[in-house]
Amino acid sequence: MKKVNKYNFQKWVVLCMAFFFLAFTSDKISPRLQQKLESAVQTTFEVEDFELQPMNVELGEDSLFKILLQNEILGYAYLGKAPSMKDVFDYVVLFNPDLSVKKAKVLIYRENHGRQIGSQRWLKHFIGKTTDSTLEYGTDIDAISGATISAKSMTKAVNEALAKMKLLQTDRNL
């Protein structure tokens, strides 16, 4: 019978525990996505030094942040994922303090087909929409040939973000 080196066994157990801890408790947001989110906030709100303060609200896989400049609320960032044809894409909806949409942006798109939804020309349809808005693809939001699934998905995602912000507005006085 082979004798097990107690030191190597302990090292192996610690290594496995560290792997599982990091794998299952890592941040929801990857460094790349965090960088793109911060860049979107900087360019949209035209600020350099700001704080993204996570809000402790249940949104499933989505996240909500307060955007602060010297403890003053500049707005909110709603970060989410939406389905495309074969994968998902990451998007952000940036809100003014009054909860109207300041900007919607696709941050990471993982497919070649349907990239047209990242165009600011199309995304500008969402600007100014409020928590009382209900958006309909093809009516309120122009259809995009060749990006139907992603465009419908983005429209639905912004609708859901607006609805969740409305609930938070009444529950938490945002």
Protein backbone atom coordinates (compact mmCIF):
# COMPACT_ATOMS: atom_id res chain seq x y z
CA MET A 1 0.00 0.00 0.00
CA LYS A 2 1.33 3.40 -1.03
CA LYS A 3 1.86 5.92 1.74
CA VAL A 4 0.10 9.28 1.12
CA ASN A 5 2.15 12.36 1.81
CA LYS A 6 0.00 14.35 4.26
CA TYR A 7 1.49 17.72 3.13
CA ASN A 8 0.72 17.12 -0.56
CA PHE A 9 -2.80 15.97 0.28
CA GLN A 10 -3.49 19.14 2.31
CA LYS A 11 -2.08 21.29 -0.48
CA TRP A 12 -4.36 19.52 -2.98
CA VAL A 13 -7.44 20.03 -0.77
CA VAL A 14 -6.66 23.75 -0.31
CA LEU A 15 -6.13 24.16 -4.05
CA CYS A 16 -9.46 22.46 -4.85
CA MET A 17 -11.29 24.56 -2.26
CA ALA A 18 -9.78 27.75 -3.69
CA PHE A 19 -10.81 26.75 -7.21
CA PHE A 20 -14.41 26.07 -6.17
CA PHE A 21 -14.55 29.24 -4.09
CA LEU A 22 -13.35 31.38 -6.99
CA ALA A 23 -15.50 29.58 -9.54
CA PHE A 24 -18.73 29.99 -7.62
CA THR A 25 -18.29 33.27 -5.79
CA SER A 26 -16.65 35.43 -8.43
CA ASP A 27 -18.18 38.78 -9.35
CA LYS A 28 -21.15 38.75 -11.69
CA ILE A 29 -19.36 41.17 -13.98
CA SER A 30 -16.23 40.27 -15.92
CA PRO A 31 -13.39 42.82 -16.06
CA ARG A 32 -14.06 43.37 -19.79
CA LEU A 33 -17.75 44.05 -19.19
CA GLN A 34 -16.92 46.31 -16.22
CA GLN A 35 -14.57 48.33 -18.44
CA LYS A 36 -17.20 48.70 -21.17
CA LEU A 37 -19.83 49.72 -18.60
CA GLU A 38 -17.54 52.37 -17.13
CA SER A 39 -16.69 53.67 -20.60
CA ALA A 40 -20.39 53.96 -21.48
CA VAL A 41 -21.04 55.92 -18.28
CA GLN A 42 -18.06 58.22 -18.89
CA THR A 43 -19.04 59.10 -22.45
CA THR A 44 -22.77 59.37 -21.81
CA PHE A 45 -22.63 61.47 -18.63
CA GLU A 46 -19.40 63.23 -19.70
CA VAL A 47 -17.63 62.56 -16.39
CA GLU A 48 -14.25 61.13 -15.46
CA ASP A 49 -14.41 60.50 -11.73
CA PHE A 50 -17.62 58.79 -10.77
CA GLU A 51 -18.70 55.88 -8.64
CA LEU A 52 -20.83 52.94 -9.74
CA GLN A 53 -22.58 51.88 -6.57
CA PRO A 54 -24.31 48.48 -6.82
CA MET A 55 -27.89 48.59 -5.60
CA ASN A 56 -29.05 45.67 -3.54
CA VAL A 57 -32.17 44.75 -5.50
CA GLU A 58 -33.27 41.39 -6.86
CA LEU A 59 -33.14 41.48 -10.65
CA GLY A 60 -32.20 37.90 -11.45
CA GLU A 61 -29.01 37.96 -13.51
CA ASP A 62 -29.32 41.68 -14.22
CA SER A 63 -27.66 44.39 -12.11
CA LEU A 64 -28.56 47.94 -11.16
CA PHE A 65 -26.08 50.65 -10.18
CA LYS A 66 -26.37 54.20 -8.92
CA ILE A 67 -24.05 56.52 -10.80
CA LEU A 68 -22.64 58.99 -8.30
CA LEU A 69 -20.47 62.06 -8.69
CA GLN A 70 -19.32 63.43 -5.33
CA ASN A 71 -22.25 61.69 -3.59
CA GLU A 72 -24.77 63.25 -6.00
CA ILE A 73 -26.88 60.91 -8.14
CA LEU A 74 -26.16 61.43 -11.84
CA GLY A 75 -28.38 58.53 -12.86
CA TYR A 76 -28.68 54.76 -12.90
CA ALA A 77 -27.15 51.97 -14.95
CA TYR A 78 -29.22 48.85 -15.65
CA LEU A 79 -26.91 46.08 -16.86
CA GLY A 80 -28.38 42.95 -18.41
CA LYS A 81 -28.10 40.09 -20.87
CA ALA A 82 -30.51 39.36 -23.71
CA PRO A 83 -30.70 36.50 -26.22
CA SER A 84 -29.49 36.85 -29.78
CA MET A 85 -29.87 34.20 -32.48
CA LYS A 86 -27.47 31.63 -30.98
CA ASP A 87 -25.98 33.34 -27.93
CA VAL A 88 -26.58 36.28 -25.58
CA PHE A 89 -25.39 39.87 -25.61
CA ASP A 90 -24.68 42.29 -22.78
CA TYR A 91 -26.39 45.66 -22.77
CA VAL A 92 -26.77 48.67 -20.51
CA VAL A 93 -29.64 51.12 -20.19
CA LEU A 94 -28.47 54.38 -18.66
CA PHE A 95 -31.15 56.39 -16.89
CA ASN A 96 -31.35 60.03 -15.91
CA PRO A 97 -32.25 60.74 -12.25
CA ASP A 98 -35.92 61.11 -13.35
CA LEU A 99 -35.68 57.54 -14.74
CA SER A 100 -36.00 58.52 -18.37
CA VAL A 101 -33.63 56.67 -20.70
CA LYS A 102 -30.51 58.68 -21.37
CA LYS A 103 -28.91 56.00 -23.54
CA ALA A 104 -29.14 52.31 -24.41
CA LYS A 105 -25.99 50.54 -25.53
CA VAL A 106 -24.98 47.05 -26.55
CA LEU A 107 -21.73 46.40 -24.68
CA ILE A 108 -20.69 42.92 -25.84
CA TYR A 109 -22.24 41.21 -28.85
CA ARG A 110 -21.00 37.65 -29.38
CA GLU A 111 -22.20 36.87 -32.91
CA ASN A 112 -21.45 38.13 -36.40
CA HIS A 113 -25.08 38.13 -37.51
CA GLY A 114 -27.34 40.87 -36.10
CA ARG A 115 -24.66 43.36 -35.05
CA GLN A 116 -26.81 46.18 -36.47
CA ILE A 117 -28.53 46.49 -33.09
CA GLY A 118 -25.35 48.10 -31.75
CA SER A 119 -25.80 51.07 -34.07
CA GLN A 120 -26.50 54.32 -32.22
CA ARG A 121 -28.78 55.26 -35.08
CA TRP A 122 -31.11 52.41 -34.09
CA LEU A 123 -30.54 52.59 -30.32
CA LYS A 124 -31.56 56.27 -30.24
CA HIS A 125 -35.19 55.05 -30.46
CA PHE A 126 -34.96 54.26 -26.73
CA ILE A 127 -33.69 57.70 -25.63
CA GLY A 128 -36.25 59.67 -23.64
CA LYS A 129 -38.51 56.71 -22.93
CA THR A 130 -39.89 56.72 -19.39
CA THR A 131 -41.11 54.15 -16.90
CA ASP A 132 -44.62 54.80 -18.26
CA SER A 133 -43.54 53.80 -21.79
CA THR A 134 -44.38 50.45 -23.35
CA LEU A 135 -42.34 49.79 -26.45
CA GLU A 136 -43.51 47.69 -29.36
CA TYR A 137 -41.04 46.37 -31.91
CA GLY A 138 -42.01 47.44 -35.41
CA THR A 139 -44.27 50.23 -34.13
CA ASP A 140 -42.40 52.33 -31.56
CA ILE A 141 -39.04 50.80 -32.38
CA ASP A 142 -38.01 50.36 -36.02
CA ALA A 143 -37.48 46.83 -37.29
CA ILE A 144 -34.03 45.84 -38.52
CA SER A 145 -33.72 43.50 -41.48
CA GLY A 146 -31.15 40.82 -40.71
CA ALA A 147 -31.27 41.40 -36.95
CA THR A 148 -34.88 40.59 -36.14
CA ILE A 149 -34.22 38.28 -33.19
CA SER A 150 -31.67 40.57 -31.53
CA ALA A 151 -33.69 43.72 -32.19
CA LYS A 152 -36.85 42.17 -30.73
CA SER A 153 -34.79 40.93 -27.81
CA MET A 154 -33.29 44.37 -27.14
CA THR A 155 -36.73 45.98 -27.33
CA LYS A 156 -38.08 43.43 -24.86
CA ALA A 157 -35.06 43.93 -22.58
CA VAL A 158 -35.52 47.71 -22.47
CA ASN A 159 -39.25 47.23 -21.81
CA GLU A 160 -38.41 44.94 -18.89
CA ALA A 161 -35.81 47.39 -17.57
CA LEU A 162 -38.37 50.21 -17.70
CA ALA A 163 -40.96 48.06 -15.90
CA LYS A 164 -38.49 47.05 -13.18
CA MET A 165 -37.39 50.65 -12.72
CA LYS A 166 -41.04 51.66 -12.34
CA LEU A 167 -41.49 49.07 -9.58
CA LEU A 168 -38.32 50.27 -7.85
CA GLN A 169 -39.49 53.86 -8.23
CA THR A 170 -42.65 53.13 -6.27
CA ASP A 171 -41.04 50.73 -3.76
CA ARG A 172 -37.83 52.63 -3.03
CA ASN A 173 -38.46 56.19 -4.19
CA LEU A 174 -35.56 56.20 -6.66
